[in-house]
Amino acid sequence: MRINKLLSNYGYCSRREAARLIEEKRVTVNGSICMPGQWVEEEDSVLLDGEPVAPKERICLAFNKPVGITCTAEKTVDNNIIGFVDYSQFIFPVGRLDKDSQGLILLTNDGVLANRVLEAGNGHEKEYVVTVDREFDDSFLRGMSAGVEILGVRTRPCRASRISARTFSIVLTQGLNRQIRRMCWAFGYKVERLERVRILGIELGDILEGKWRLLDEKEMSELRNA
């Protein structure tokens, strides 16, 4: 496999981060400086900063992200999610949640798990609770459910249901840029509050804002096998 995938699968970093480590010449393979995109075998001697690379214990956190936190592993970005969580091991966010949105996001060192969750083509469900700036009628929910023209494409059919006069839940199986906000805007509504409450079978539940919990091995296995 390529060196980026190996480092990701072993739980060291994302594939993008691996590329940066390679560019900085911090990775060697069998005594030679690793080349970008180099193919390696598991029996090769791979060193990172002079230390042998070996599989790490797989972990995954379910985090209740507050508004204002940016979902990036780049620590130079103000209010980045990695600095906020301040976990003792290397982790990276699985996908994104807009800075002005809140709720459930996963962080992991498990590259296989992350790739499984991000494979939107598999129809993975993500559920949100959304509050807009004024009351809506049932035709709005039907229109949202049927699909909306945004960014030059029509969104996939989804499930939208009323919670209150200005709040609804929506279950998506894709993740276009600011999708829900753009869908609402297409009908003349502005999103005031957007919270993700579920990713596949993982629910936000009673995790307090700004706090996290570790997933157990059963939950992680279900994500990998999704």
Protein backbone atom coordinates (compact mmCIF):
# COMPACT_ATOMS: atom_id res chain seq x y z
CA MET A 1 0.00 0.00 0.00
CA ARG A 2 1.05 3.63 -0.27
CA ILE A 3 2.91 5.07 2.70
CA ASN A 4 0.09 7.58 3.37
CA LYS A 5 -2.41 4.77 3.76
CA LEU A 6 -0.06 2.76 5.98
CA LEU A 7 0.45 5.67 8.40
CA SER A 8 -3.28 6.34 8.45
CA ASN A 9 -4.20 2.68 8.97
CA TYR A 10 -1.68 2.42 11.79
CA GLY A 11 -3.33 5.33 13.59
CA TYR A 12 -0.60 7.97 13.25
CA CYS A 13 -2.34 10.59 11.16
CA SER A 14 -4.66 11.29 8.28
CA ARG A 15 -3.42 10.67 4.75
CA ARG A 16 -3.14 14.42 4.19
CA GLU A 17 -1.05 14.82 7.34
CA ALA A 18 1.11 11.89 6.19
CA ALA A 19 1.90 13.78 3.00
CA ARG A 20 3.14 16.72 5.07
CA LEU A 21 5.35 14.47 7.21
CA ILE A 22 6.85 12.97 4.05
CA GLU A 23 7.47 16.41 2.54
CA GLU A 24 9.31 17.36 5.73
CA LYS A 25 11.51 14.24 5.25
CA ARG A 26 10.52 12.86 8.65
CA VAL A 27 9.70 9.40 7.26
CA THR A 28 12.24 6.81 6.12
CA VAL A 29 11.69 3.41 4.51
CA ASN A 30 14.45 0.81 4.82
CA GLY A 31 16.95 3.51 5.69
CA SER A 32 16.11 5.89 2.83
CA ILE A 33 14.08 9.11 2.86
CA CYS A 34 10.52 8.26 1.87
CA MET A 35 9.25 9.61 -1.44
CA PRO A 36 5.72 11.09 -1.79
CA GLY A 37 3.22 8.34 -2.61
CA GLN A 38 5.81 5.60 -2.15
CA TRP A 39 4.55 2.01 -2.04
CA VAL A 40 5.57 0.00 1.02
CA GLU A 41 5.08 -3.47 2.44
CA GLU A 42 4.14 -4.13 6.05
CA GLU A 43 7.46 -5.93 6.55
CA ASP A 44 9.44 -2.84 5.47
CA SER A 45 11.31 -0.87 8.14
CA VAL A 46 9.36 2.40 8.37
CA LEU A 47 10.57 5.08 10.77
CA LEU A 48 8.90 8.35 11.75
CA ASP A 49 11.28 10.82 13.36
CA GLY A 50 13.69 7.91 13.82
CA GLU A 51 11.17 5.75 15.71
CA PRO A 52 9.71 2.49 14.30
CA VAL A 53 6.15 2.75 13.01
CA ALA A 54 3.77 0.12 14.39
CA PRO A 55 -0.04 -0.16 14.67
CA LYS A 56 -1.47 1.94 17.50
CA GLU A 57 -4.49 1.10 19.62
CA ARG A 58 -7.57 2.24 17.71
CA ILE A 59 -9.67 4.89 19.41
CA CYS A 60 -12.67 7.01 18.44
CA LEU A 61 -14.28 9.89 20.32
CA ALA A 62 -17.85 11.13 19.99
CA PHE A 63 -17.56 14.89 20.59
CA ASN A 64 -20.29 17.49 21.09
CA LYS A 65 -18.77 20.38 19.15
CA PRO A 66 -19.73 23.90 20.23
CA VAL A 67 -20.39 26.71 17.77
CA GLY A 68 -17.17 28.53 16.89
CA ILE A 69 -14.87 25.50 16.77
CA THR A 70 -13.29 24.74 13.38
CA CYS A 71 -13.10 21.07 12.32
CA THR A 72 -9.49 20.90 11.20
CA ALA A 73 -6.40 19.02 12.30
CA GLU A 74 -4.29 22.07 11.43
CA LYS A 75 -3.23 23.36 14.83
CA THR A 76 -2.28 26.80 13.50
CA VAL A 77 -5.97 27.58 12.88
CA ASP A 78 -7.61 29.52 15.71
CA ASN A 79 -10.17 27.53 17.73
CA ASN A 80 -9.30 24.29 15.92
CA ILE A 81 -11.01 21.14 17.15
CA ILE A 82 -7.78 19.28 17.99
CA GLY A 83 -6.58 22.02 20.30
CA PHE A 84 -9.99 22.34 21.92
CA VAL A 85 -10.32 18.62 22.69
CA ASP A 86 -6.65 18.41 23.73
CA TYR A 87 -6.58 14.61 23.67
CA SER A 88 -3.38 12.87 24.77
CA GLN A 89 -2.95 10.92 21.51
CA PHE A 90 -3.03 11.90 17.84
CA ILE A 91 -6.59 12.08 16.50
CA PHE A 92 -8.22 13.76 13.55
CA PRO A 93 -11.82 14.75 12.78
CA VAL A 94 -13.90 12.42 10.61
CA GLY A 95 -15.40 14.81 8.10
CA ARG A 96 -16.54 18.30 8.98
CA LEU A 97 -19.20 20.23 10.83
CA ASP A 98 -19.49 23.92 9.97
CA LYS A 99 -17.92 26.38 12.39
CA ASP A 100 -21.33 27.94 13.02
CA SER A 101 -22.98 24.54 13.59
CA GLN A 102 -22.83 22.34 16.65
CA GLY A 103 -23.29 18.75 17.74
CA LEU A 104 -21.86 15.34 17.02
CA ILE A 105 -18.56 14.80 15.26
CA LEU A 106 -16.23 11.83 15.48
CA LEU A 107 -12.48 12.06 16.06
CA THR A 108 -10.23 9.04 15.61
CA ASN A 109 -6.80 7.66 14.82
CA ASP A 110 -8.36 4.81 12.84
CA GLY A 111 -7.97 5.48 9.13
CA VAL A 112 -10.15 2.53 8.10
CA LEU A 113 -12.99 3.67 10.34
CA ALA A 114 -12.70 7.23 9.06
CA ASN A 115 -12.81 6.15 5.43
CA ARG A 116 -15.86 3.96 6.05
CA VAL A 117 -17.78 6.82 7.65
CA LEU A 118 -16.78 9.25 4.89
CA GLU A 119 -17.90 7.00 2.05
CA ALA A 120 -21.11 8.92 1.41
CA GLY A 121 -21.86 6.73 -1.59
CA ASN A 122 -22.85 3.99 0.83
CA GLY A 123 -25.85 6.05 1.93
CA HIS A 124 -24.65 6.62 5.48
CA GLU A 125 -27.21 8.55 7.50
CA LYS A 126 -26.54 11.73 9.45
CA GLU A 127 -29.35 13.34 11.42
CA TYR A 128 -29.70 17.03 12.29
CA VAL A 129 -32.08 19.22 14.29
CA VAL A 130 -32.57 22.59 12.60
CA THR A 131 -34.22 25.82 13.71
CA VAL A 132 -35.03 28.47 11.09
CA ASP A 133 -35.87 32.15 11.37
CA ARG A 134 -39.65 31.85 10.93
CA GLU A 135 -42.47 29.35 10.96
CA PHE A 136 -42.79 26.93 8.04
CA ASP A 137 -45.64 24.86 6.62
CA ASP A 138 -45.75 21.23 5.56
CA SER A 139 -44.96 22.09 1.93
CA PHE A 140 -41.52 23.22 3.07
CA LEU A 141 -40.87 19.80 4.64
CA ARG A 142 -42.11 18.03 1.50
CA GLY A 143 -39.85 20.18 -0.66
CA MET A 144 -36.81 19.54 1.54
CA SER A 145 -37.52 15.80 1.51
CA ALA A 146 -37.90 15.62 -2.27
CA GLY A 147 -34.52 17.22 -3.01
CA VAL A 148 -33.42 20.79 -3.66
CA GLU A 149 -31.37 22.40 -6.42
CA ILE A 150 -28.17 23.78 -4.86
CA LEU A 151 -24.61 24.16 -6.14
CA GLY A 152 -25.71 23.06 -9.61
CA VAL A 153 -27.00 19.67 -8.44
CA ARG A 154 -30.18 18.28 -6.93
CA THR A 155 -29.78 16.94 -3.41
CA ARG A 156 -30.72 13.35 -2.70
CA PRO A 157 -34.21 12.68 -1.34
CA CYS A 158 -34.12 12.73 2.46
CA ARG A 159 -36.39 12.59 5.50
CA ALA A 160 -37.56 15.83 7.08
CA SER A 161 -40.12 15.98 9.90
CA ARG A 162 -41.55 18.71 12.10
CA ILE A 163 -40.50 19.15 15.73
CA SER A 164 -42.11 22.55 16.34
CA ALA A 165 -43.27 25.64 14.47
CA ARG A 166 -39.71 26.65 13.49
CA THR A 167 -37.72 23.47 14.20
CA PHE A 168 -37.45 20.23 12.22
CA SER A 169 -35.27 17.14 12.00
CA ILE A 170 -33.63 16.05 8.77
CA VAL A 171 -31.75 12.86 7.86
CA LEU A 172 -29.23 13.17 5.02
CA THR A 173 -27.13 10.61 3.17
CA GLN A 174 -24.75 13.11 1.58
CA GLY A 175 -22.66 16.03 2.73
CA LEU A 176 -22.50 18.89 0.27
CA ASN A 177 -20.90 22.14 1.42
CA ARG A 178 -23.28 23.84 3.89
CA GLN A 179 -26.01 21.66 2.44
CA ILE A 180 -28.81 22.19 4.96
CA ARG A 181 -28.28 25.94 5.10
CA ARG A 182 -28.35 26.17 1.30
CA MET A 183 -31.45 23.94 1.10
CA CYS A 184 -33.30 26.13 3.58
CA TRP A 185 -32.18 29.31 1.82
CA ALA A 186 -33.60 27.96 -1.46
CA PHE A 187 -37.04 28.15 0.20
CA GLY A 188 -36.39 31.57 1.71
CA TYR A 189 -35.46 30.46 5.24
CA LYS A 190 -32.34 31.27 7.23
CA VAL A 191 -30.92 28.69 9.64
CA GLU A 192 -30.58 30.03 13.16
CA ARG A 193 -29.42 26.83 14.86
CA LEU A 194 -28.11 23.59 13.38
CA GLU A 195 -27.16 20.60 15.54
CA ARG A 196 -26.05 17.18 14.35
CA VAL A 197 -27.48 14.52 16.63
CA ARG A 198 -26.57 11.24 14.91
CA ILE A 199 -23.97 9.70 12.60
CA LEU A 200 -25.02 6.21 11.46
CA GLY A 201 -25.81 4.41 14.74
CA ILE A 202 -23.84 6.79 16.97
CA GLU A 203 -26.07 9.31 18.77
CA LEU A 204 -25.17 12.56 20.49
CA GLY A 205 -27.31 11.50 23.44
CA ASP A 206 -26.43 13.18 26.73
CA ILE A 207 -22.89 14.28 25.84
CA LEU A 208 -22.60 17.82 27.18
CA GLU A 209 -21.54 20.63 24.85
CA GLY A 210 -17.75 20.71 24.62
CA LYS A 211 -17.40 17.21 26.07
CA TRP A 212 -16.73 13.79 24.53
CA ARG A 213 -16.92 10.08 25.22
CA LEU A 214 -14.92 7.15 23.89
CA LEU A 215 -16.74 4.71 21.63
CA ASP A 216 -16.53 1.09 22.70
CA GLU A 217 -15.13 -1.62 20.43
CA LYS A 218 -18.61 -2.76 19.38
CA GLU A 219 -19.53 0.74 18.20
CA MET A 220 -16.22 1.10 16.36
CA SER A 221 -16.67 -2.28 14.68
CA GLU A 222 -20.13 -1.29 13.50
CA LEU A 223 -18.72 1.89 11.95
CA ARG A 224 -15.94 -0.03 10.17
CA ASN A 225 -18.47 -2.52 8.81
CA ALA A 226 -21.02 0.10 7.76
